Amino acid sequence: MKLYIDPQGNRNGILANQDHLIKQDWVECQKKQDGTYADNYNLDGTLAPDDEPTVEQVVGESNRRQGLLIPANKVTGLQARYNSLVRRSGSLTPAQDAQKDALDDMWDAIDSLVDKQETISEMTPIPQDFTNDSYWI
């Protein structure tokens, strides 16, 4: 499939056997270096800059990463278990103490993601590749 842009800025995907659909005023869109089509094009078919990422997208990425650590359907149960272990601190069995430590580590990892989310959200502009692990580690 090839991608064309018309004078109104509409993109049209045309298969090899559909050449008859191409209008004279349509321009073939350039591909990115990786061989894929871009999200945005100028009317002459050249690559246009991608829209700047939004804070909402950064929050979404943070939530996605948090969900990898603790699935949403487990958060409430883990919070309740953690609170129960904290209330009994000092009288925990070794197994309970290890469980509390593991939960401490998970909450610390979540806190770290929230901190990274805030840092990335405050960048001007937010980097196009903000989903790269280098921003989150």
N, C-alpha and C. Protein backbone atom coordinates (compact mmCIF):
# COMPACT_ATOMS: atom_id res chain seq x y z
N MET A 1 0.84 -1.18 0.00
CA MET A 1 0.00 0.00 0.00
C MET A 1 0.89 1.25 0.00
N LYS A 2 0.44 2.25 -0.72
CA LYS A 2 1.10 3.55 -0.74
C LYS A 2 0.13 4.56 -0.16
N LEU A 3 0.70 5.58 0.43
CA LEU A 3 -0.10 6.62 1.05
C LEU A 3 0.02 7.90 0.23
N TYR A 4 -1.12 8.52 -0.05
CA TYR A 4 -1.16 9.77 -0.80
C TYR A 4 -1.89 10.82 0.02
N ILE A 5 -1.56 12.09 -0.22
CA ILE A 5 -2.24 13.19 0.45
C ILE A 5 -2.87 14.07 -0.62
N ASP A 6 -4.10 14.49 -0.36
CA ASP A 6 -4.78 15.35 -1.33
C ASP A 6 -4.64 16.81 -0.90
N PRO A 7 -5.03 17.76 -1.75
CA PRO A 7 -4.86 19.18 -1.42
C PRO A 7 -5.59 19.63 -0.15
N GLN A 8 -6.58 18.87 0.31
CA GLN A 8 -7.29 19.21 1.54
C GLN A 8 -6.60 18.63 2.78
N GLY A 9 -5.53 17.87 2.56
CA GLY A 9 -4.80 17.28 3.67
C GLY A 9 -5.29 15.90 4.08
N ASN A 10 -6.21 15.34 3.32
CA ASN A 10 -6.70 13.99 3.62
C ASN A 10 -5.70 12.95 3.12
N ARG A 11 -5.50 11.93 3.93
CA ARG A 11 -4.60 10.85 3.54
C ARG A 11 -5.41 9.71 2.93
N ASN A 12 -4.84 9.13 1.88
CA ASN A 12 -5.52 8.07 1.16
C ASN A 12 -4.57 6.90 0.97
N GLY A 13 -4.93 5.75 1.51
CA GLY A 13 -4.13 4.54 1.33
C GLY A 13 -4.59 3.82 0.08
N ILE A 14 -3.65 3.59 -0.83
CA ILE A 14 -3.98 2.97 -2.11
C ILE A 14 -3.17 1.69 -2.29
N LEU A 15 -3.86 0.60 -2.57
CA LEU A 15 -3.19 -0.67 -2.84
C LEU A 15 -2.61 -0.67 -4.25
N ALA A 16 -1.68 -1.56 -4.51
CA ALA A 16 -1.01 -1.62 -5.81
C ALA A 16 -2.00 -1.81 -6.96
N ASN A 17 -3.06 -2.55 -6.73
CA ASN A 17 -4.02 -2.80 -7.81
C ASN A 17 -5.11 -1.72 -7.89
N GLN A 18 -4.93 -0.62 -7.16
CA GLN A 18 -5.93 0.44 -7.14
C GLN A 18 -5.39 1.76 -7.71
N ASP A 19 -4.37 1.69 -8.54
CA ASP A 19 -3.76 2.91 -9.10
C ASP A 19 -4.79 3.81 -9.79
N HIS A 20 -5.85 3.23 -10.31
CA HIS A 20 -6.87 4.01 -11.01
C HIS A 20 -7.61 4.99 -10.09
N LEU A 21 -7.48 4.79 -8.78
CA LEU A 21 -8.14 5.68 -7.81
C LEU A 21 -7.35 6.95 -7.52
N ILE A 22 -6.08 6.97 -7.91
CA ILE A 22 -5.21 8.10 -7.60
C ILE A 22 -5.59 9.30 -8.46
N LYS A 23 -5.84 10.42 -7.81
CA LYS A 23 -6.18 11.67 -8.51
C LYS A 23 -4.90 12.41 -8.90
N GLN A 24 -4.99 13.25 -9.93
CA GLN A 24 -3.82 13.96 -10.42
C GLN A 24 -3.23 14.91 -9.38
N ASP A 25 -4.06 15.47 -8.51
CA ASP A 25 -3.55 16.44 -7.54
C ASP A 25 -3.12 15.80 -6.22
N TRP A 26 -3.11 14.46 -6.14
CA TRP A 26 -2.62 13.77 -4.97
C TRP A 26 -1.11 13.63 -5.04
N VAL A 27 -0.48 13.69 -3.89
CA VAL A 27 0.98 13.57 -3.82
C VAL A 27 1.31 12.35 -2.96
N GLU A 28 2.26 11.54 -3.42
CA GLU A 28 2.65 10.38 -2.63
C GLU A 28 3.42 10.83 -1.39
N CYS A 29 3.08 10.26 -0.25
CA CYS A 29 3.71 10.62 1.01
C CYS A 29 5.05 9.88 1.17
N GLN A 30 6.01 10.59 1.69
CA GLN A 30 7.31 9.99 1.97
C GLN A 30 7.20 9.09 3.20
N LYS A 31 8.03 8.06 3.22
CA LYS A 31 8.10 7.19 4.40
C LYS A 31 9.20 7.69 5.32
N LYS A 32 9.09 7.30 6.59
CA LYS A 32 10.15 7.62 7.56
C LYS A 32 11.35 6.72 7.26
N GLN A 33 12.46 6.99 7.93
CA GLN A 33 13.68 6.21 7.70
C GLN A 33 13.49 4.74 7.99
N ASP A 34 12.58 4.41 8.91
CA ASP A 34 12.37 3.00 9.26
C ASP A 34 11.39 2.31 8.30
N GLY A 35 10.96 3.03 7.24
CA GLY A 35 10.11 2.43 6.22
C GLY A 35 8.62 2.50 6.52
N THR A 36 8.24 3.13 7.62
CA THR A 36 6.83 3.27 7.96
C THR A 36 6.34 4.68 7.62
N TYR A 37 5.04 4.81 7.55
CA TYR A 37 4.47 6.13 7.30
C TYR A 37 4.36 6.92 8.60
N ALA A 38 4.44 8.23 8.48
CA ALA A 38 4.39 9.12 9.65
C ALA A 38 2.94 9.39 10.04
N ASP A 39 2.79 10.04 11.17
CA ASP A 39 1.46 10.45 11.63
C ASP A 39 1.00 11.73 10.93
N ASN A 40 1.96 12.57 10.55
CA ASN A 40 1.62 13.89 9.99
C ASN A 40 2.42 14.16 8.72
N TYR A 41 1.74 14.79 7.75
CA TYR A 41 2.37 15.14 6.49
C TYR A 41 2.03 16.56 6.09
N ASN A 42 2.97 17.20 5.40
CA ASN A 42 2.71 18.47 4.76
C ASN A 42 1.96 18.18 3.47
N LEU A 43 1.34 19.19 2.87
CA LEU A 43 0.56 18.98 1.65
C LEU A 43 1.41 18.53 0.47
N ASP A 44 2.74 18.74 0.55
CA ASP A 44 3.60 18.28 -0.55
C ASP A 44 4.10 16.85 -0.34
N GLY A 45 3.55 16.17 0.68
CA GLY A 45 3.91 14.78 0.93
C GLY A 45 5.13 14.58 1.80
N THR A 46 5.78 15.68 2.19
CA THR A 46 6.95 15.56 3.06
C THR A 46 6.50 15.37 4.51
N LEU A 47 7.38 14.78 5.28
CA LEU A 47 7.07 14.53 6.69
C LEU A 47 6.86 15.83 7.44
N ALA A 48 5.81 15.90 8.22
CA ALA A 48 5.56 17.05 9.09
C ALA A 48 5.92 16.63 10.51
N PRO A 49 6.30 17.58 11.34
CA PRO A 49 6.63 17.21 12.72
C PRO A 49 5.45 16.55 13.41
N ASP A 50 5.74 15.56 14.23
CA ASP A 50 4.70 14.93 15.03
C ASP A 50 4.18 15.94 16.04
N ASP A 51 2.93 15.77 16.43
CA ASP A 51 2.38 16.62 17.48
C ASP A 51 3.19 16.41 18.75
N GLU A 52 3.35 17.48 19.53
CA GLU A 52 4.09 17.35 20.78
C GLU A 52 3.30 16.47 21.74
N PRO A 53 4.00 15.58 22.45
CA PRO A 53 3.31 14.73 23.44
C PRO A 53 2.66 15.60 24.51
N THR A 54 1.60 15.08 25.08
CA THR A 54 0.86 15.81 26.11
C THR A 54 1.12 15.19 27.49
N VAL A 55 0.80 15.96 28.50
CA VAL A 55 0.91 15.47 29.88
C VAL A 55 0.01 14.25 30.05
N GLU A 56 -1.16 14.26 29.42
CA GLU A 56 -2.08 13.12 29.53
C GLU A 56 -1.45 11.85 28.98
N GLN A 57 -0.67 11.97 27.91
CA GLN A 57 0.02 10.80 27.36
C GLN A 57 1.08 10.30 28.33
N VAL A 58 1.78 11.21 28.99
CA VAL A 58 2.80 10.82 29.97
C VAL A 58 2.14 10.10 31.14
N VAL A 59 1.01 10.64 31.61
CA VAL A 59 0.27 10.00 32.70
C VAL A 59 -0.19 8.60 32.26
N GLY A 60 -0.64 8.49 31.04
CA GLY A 60 -1.06 7.19 30.52
C GLY A 60 0.08 6.19 30.50
N GLU A 61 1.26 6.63 30.11
CA GLU A 61 2.44 5.75 30.11
C GLU A 61 2.81 5.35 31.52
N SER A 62 2.73 6.29 32.45
CA SER A 62 3.01 5.98 33.85
C SER A 62 2.02 4.95 34.37
N ASN A 63 0.74 5.14 34.07
CA ASN A 63 -0.28 4.19 34.51
C ASN A 63 -0.05 2.82 33.90
N ARG A 64 0.36 2.78 32.64
CA ARG A 64 0.64 1.50 31.99
C ARG A 64 1.77 0.77 32.71
N ARG A 65 2.82 1.51 33.03
CA ARG A 65 3.96 0.91 33.72
C ARG A 65 3.59 0.48 35.14
N GLN A 66 2.77 1.27 35.80
CA GLN A 66 2.32 0.89 37.14
C GLN A 66 1.50 -0.40 37.07
N GLY A 67 0.68 -0.52 36.04
CA GLY A 67 -0.13 -1.72 35.86
C GLY A 67 0.70 -2.96 35.61
N LEU A 68 1.90 -2.77 35.06
CA LEU A 68 2.79 -3.92 34.87
C LEU A 68 3.35 -4.39 36.21
N LEU A 69 3.53 -3.45 37.13
CA LEU A 69 4.02 -3.80 38.47
C LEU A 69 2.92 -4.40 39.32
N ILE A 70 1.76 -3.75 39.31
CA ILE A 70 0.62 -4.21 40.10
C ILE A 70 -0.63 -4.06 39.23
N PRO A 71 -1.20 -5.16 38.77
CA PRO A 71 -2.44 -5.06 37.99
C PRO A 71 -3.52 -4.33 38.78
N ALA A 72 -4.32 -3.54 38.10
CA ALA A 72 -5.33 -2.70 38.76
C ALA A 72 -6.27 -3.51 39.65
N ASN A 73 -6.59 -4.73 39.25
CA ASN A 73 -7.53 -5.53 40.04
C ASN A 73 -6.90 -6.09 41.32
N LYS A 74 -5.61 -5.86 41.51
CA LYS A 74 -4.92 -6.37 42.70
C LYS A 74 -4.55 -5.26 43.69
N VAL A 75 -4.64 -4.02 43.28
CA VAL A 75 -4.16 -2.90 44.10
C VAL A 75 -4.86 -2.85 45.46
N THR A 76 -6.17 -2.90 45.46
CA THR A 76 -6.92 -2.77 46.72
C THR A 76 -6.54 -3.89 47.70
N GLY A 77 -6.48 -5.11 47.20
CA GLY A 77 -6.11 -6.23 48.07
C GLY A 77 -4.71 -6.12 48.61
N LEU A 78 -3.78 -5.68 47.76
CA LEU A 78 -2.40 -5.51 48.23
C LEU A 78 -2.27 -4.38 49.22
N GLN A 79 -3.03 -3.30 49.01
CA GLN A 79 -3.01 -2.20 49.97
C GLN A 79 -3.54 -2.65 51.33
N ALA A 80 -4.63 -3.42 51.30
CA ALA A 80 -5.21 -3.92 52.55
C ALA A 80 -4.22 -4.84 53.26
N ARG A 81 -3.58 -5.73 52.51
CA ARG A 81 -2.62 -6.64 53.12
C ARG A 81 -1.44 -5.86 53.70
N TYR A 82 -0.96 -4.88 52.96
CA TYR A 82 0.17 -4.07 53.43
C TYR A 82 -0.21 -3.34 54.72
N ASN A 83 -1.38 -2.71 54.73
CA ASN A 83 -1.83 -1.99 55.93
C ASN A 83 -1.93 -2.92 57.13
N SER A 84 -2.42 -4.12 56.89
CA SER A 84 -2.53 -5.10 57.96
C SER A 84 -1.15 -5.46 58.52
N LEU A 85 -0.19 -5.65 57.62
CA LEU A 85 1.17 -6.00 58.06
C LEU A 85 1.84 -4.84 58.81
N VAL A 86 1.60 -3.62 58.35
CA VAL A 86 2.19 -2.45 59.00
C VAL A 86 1.63 -2.30 60.41
N ARG A 87 0.32 -2.51 60.55
CA ARG A 87 -0.30 -2.39 61.89
C ARG A 87 0.29 -3.41 62.86
N ARG A 88 0.70 -4.55 62.34
CA ARG A 88 1.24 -5.60 63.21
C ARG A 88 2.77 -5.58 63.26
N SER A 89 3.39 -4.55 62.73
CA SER A 89 4.86 -4.49 62.75
C SER A 89 5.37 -4.75 64.15
N GLY A 90 6.45 -5.50 64.23
CA GLY A 90 7.02 -5.86 65.53
C GLY A 90 6.59 -7.24 65.97
N SER A 91 5.46 -7.69 65.47
CA SER A 91 5.01 -9.04 65.86
C SER A 91 4.78 -9.91 64.62
N LEU A 92 5.54 -9.62 63.56
CA LEU A 92 5.38 -10.37 62.32
C LEU A 92 6.25 -11.62 62.33
N THR A 93 5.75 -12.65 61.67
CA THR A 93 6.56 -13.84 61.46
C THR A 93 7.60 -13.51 60.40
N PRO A 94 8.66 -14.29 60.27
CA PRO A 94 9.64 -14.03 59.20
C PRO A 94 8.99 -14.00 57.81
N ALA A 95 8.02 -14.87 57.56
CA ALA A 95 7.36 -14.88 56.26
C ALA A 95 6.55 -13.59 56.05
N GLN A 96 5.85 -13.14 57.09
CA GLN A 96 5.08 -11.90 56.99
C GLN A 96 6.00 -10.70 56.81
N ASP A 97 7.14 -10.72 57.51
CA ASP A 97 8.11 -9.64 57.39
C ASP A 97 8.65 -9.57 55.96
N ALA A 98 8.91 -10.73 55.37
CA ALA A 98 9.40 -10.78 53.99
C ALA A 98 8.33 -10.27 53.03
N GLN A 99 7.07 -10.62 53.30
CA GLN A 99 5.97 -10.14 52.47
C GLN A 99 5.85 -8.62 52.57
N LYS A 100 5.97 -8.09 53.77
CA LYS A 100 5.91 -6.64 53.95
C LYS A 100 7.05 -5.96 53.21
N ASP A 101 8.25 -6.53 53.29
CA ASP A 101 9.40 -5.96 52.57
C ASP A 101 9.16 -5.96 51.06
N ALA A 102 8.59 -7.05 50.54
CA ALA A 102 8.31 -7.12 49.10
C ALA A 102 7.28 -6.06 48.71
N LEU A 103 6.26 -5.88 49.55
CA LEU A 103 5.26 -4.84 49.27
C LEU A 103 5.87 -3.45 49.38
N ASP A 104 6.77 -3.24 50.35
CA ASP A 104 7.50 -1.96 50.44
C ASP A 104 8.22 -1.67 49.13
N ASP A 105 8.88 -2.68 48.59
CA ASP A 105 9.62 -2.51 47.33
C ASP A 105 8.68 -2.15 46.18
N MET A 106 7.51 -2.79 46.13
CA MET A 106 6.55 -2.48 45.06
C MET A 106 6.05 -1.05 45.18
N TRP A 107 5.71 -0.63 46.41
CA TRP A 107 5.24 0.76 46.58
C TRP A 107 6.34 1.75 46.25
N ASP A 108 7.58 1.42 46.59
CA ASP A 108 8.70 2.30 46.23
C ASP A 108 8.84 2.41 44.71
N ALA A 109 8.64 1.30 44.02
CA ALA A 109 8.72 1.32 42.55
C ALA A 109 7.60 2.17 41.96
N ILE A 110 6.41 2.08 42.53
CA ILE A 110 5.28 2.91 42.08
C ILE A 110 5.58 4.38 42.34
N ASP A 111 6.09 4.70 43.53
CA ASP A 111 6.46 6.09 43.85
C ASP A 111 7.50 6.61 42.86
N SER A 112 8.45 5.77 42.50
CA SER A 112 9.48 6.17 41.54
C SER A 112 8.86 6.50 40.19
N LEU A 113 7.91 5.68 39.74
CA LEU A 113 7.24 5.96 38.47
C LEU A 113 6.47 7.27 38.52
N VAL A 114 5.82 7.54 39.63
CA VAL A 114 5.08 8.81 39.77
C VAL A 114 6.06 9.98 39.74
N ASP A 115 7.21 9.85 40.40
CA ASP A 115 8.23 10.90 40.36
C ASP A 115 8.71 11.13 38.93
N LYS A 116 8.96 10.04 38.20
CA LYS A 116 9.42 10.16 36.81
C LYS A 116 8.34 10.81 35.96
N GLN A 117 7.09 10.43 36.20
CA GLN A 117 5.97 11.02 35.46
C GLN A 117 5.95 12.53 35.64
N GLU A 118 6.12 12.98 36.88
CA GLU A 118 6.13 14.42 37.15
C GLU A 118 7.30 15.11 36.48
N THR A 119 8.47 14.47 36.51
CA THR A 119 9.66 15.05 35.89
C THR A 119 9.47 15.20 34.38
N ILE A 120 8.98 14.13 33.74
CA ILE A 120 8.78 14.17 32.28
C ILE A 120 7.70 15.18 31.93
N SER A 121 6.62 15.23 32.71
CA SER A 121 5.52 16.16 32.43
C SER A 121 5.95 17.61 32.51
N GLU A 122 6.97 17.90 33.32
CA GLU A 122 7.43 19.28 33.48
C GLU A 122 8.45 19.68 32.43
N MET A 123 8.91 18.73 31.59
CA MET A 123 9.88 19.06 30.54
C MET A 123 9.20 19.90 29.47
N THR A 124 9.95 20.85 28.92
CA THR A 124 9.44 21.69 27.86
C THR A 124 10.42 21.69 26.70
N PRO A 125 10.08 21.10 25.58
CA PRO A 125 8.88 20.29 25.38
C PRO A 125 9.07 18.88 25.95
N ILE A 126 7.98 18.17 26.06
CA ILE A 126 8.06 16.76 26.46
C ILE A 126 8.71 16.02 25.29
N PRO A 127 9.72 15.21 25.55
CA PRO A 127 10.42 14.52 24.44
C PRO A 127 9.47 13.60 23.66
N GLN A 128 9.68 13.54 22.35
CA GLN A 128 8.88 12.67 21.50
C GLN A 128 9.00 11.21 21.94
N ASP A 129 10.18 10.83 22.43
CA ASP A 129 10.43 9.43 22.81
C ASP A 129 10.26 9.21 24.30
N PHE A 130 9.33 9.94 24.94
CA PHE A 130 9.17 9.86 26.39
C PHE A 130 8.83 8.45 26.88
N THR A 131 8.38 7.57 26.00
CA THR A 131 8.07 6.20 26.41
C THR A 131 9.33 5.34 26.51
N ASN A 132 10.46 5.87 26.07
CA ASN A 132 11.72 5.12 26.14
C ASN A 132 12.06 4.85 27.61
N ASP A 133 12.52 3.62 27.86
CA ASP A 133 12.85 3.22 29.24
C ASP A 133 13.84 4.16 29.91
N SER A 134 14.69 4.80 29.14
CA SER A 134 15.72 5.66 29.74
C SER A 134 15.11 6.79 30.58
N TYR A 135 13.90 7.20 30.28
CA TYR A 135 13.23 8.25 31.06
C TYR A 135 12.60 7.71 32.34
N TRP A 136 12.40 6.42 32.39
CA TRP A 136 11.61 5.81 33.49
C TRP A 136 12.45 5.01 34.46
N ILE A 137 13.68 4.78 34.15
CA ILE A 137 14.53 3.95 35.02
C ILE A 137 15.31 4.82 35.99
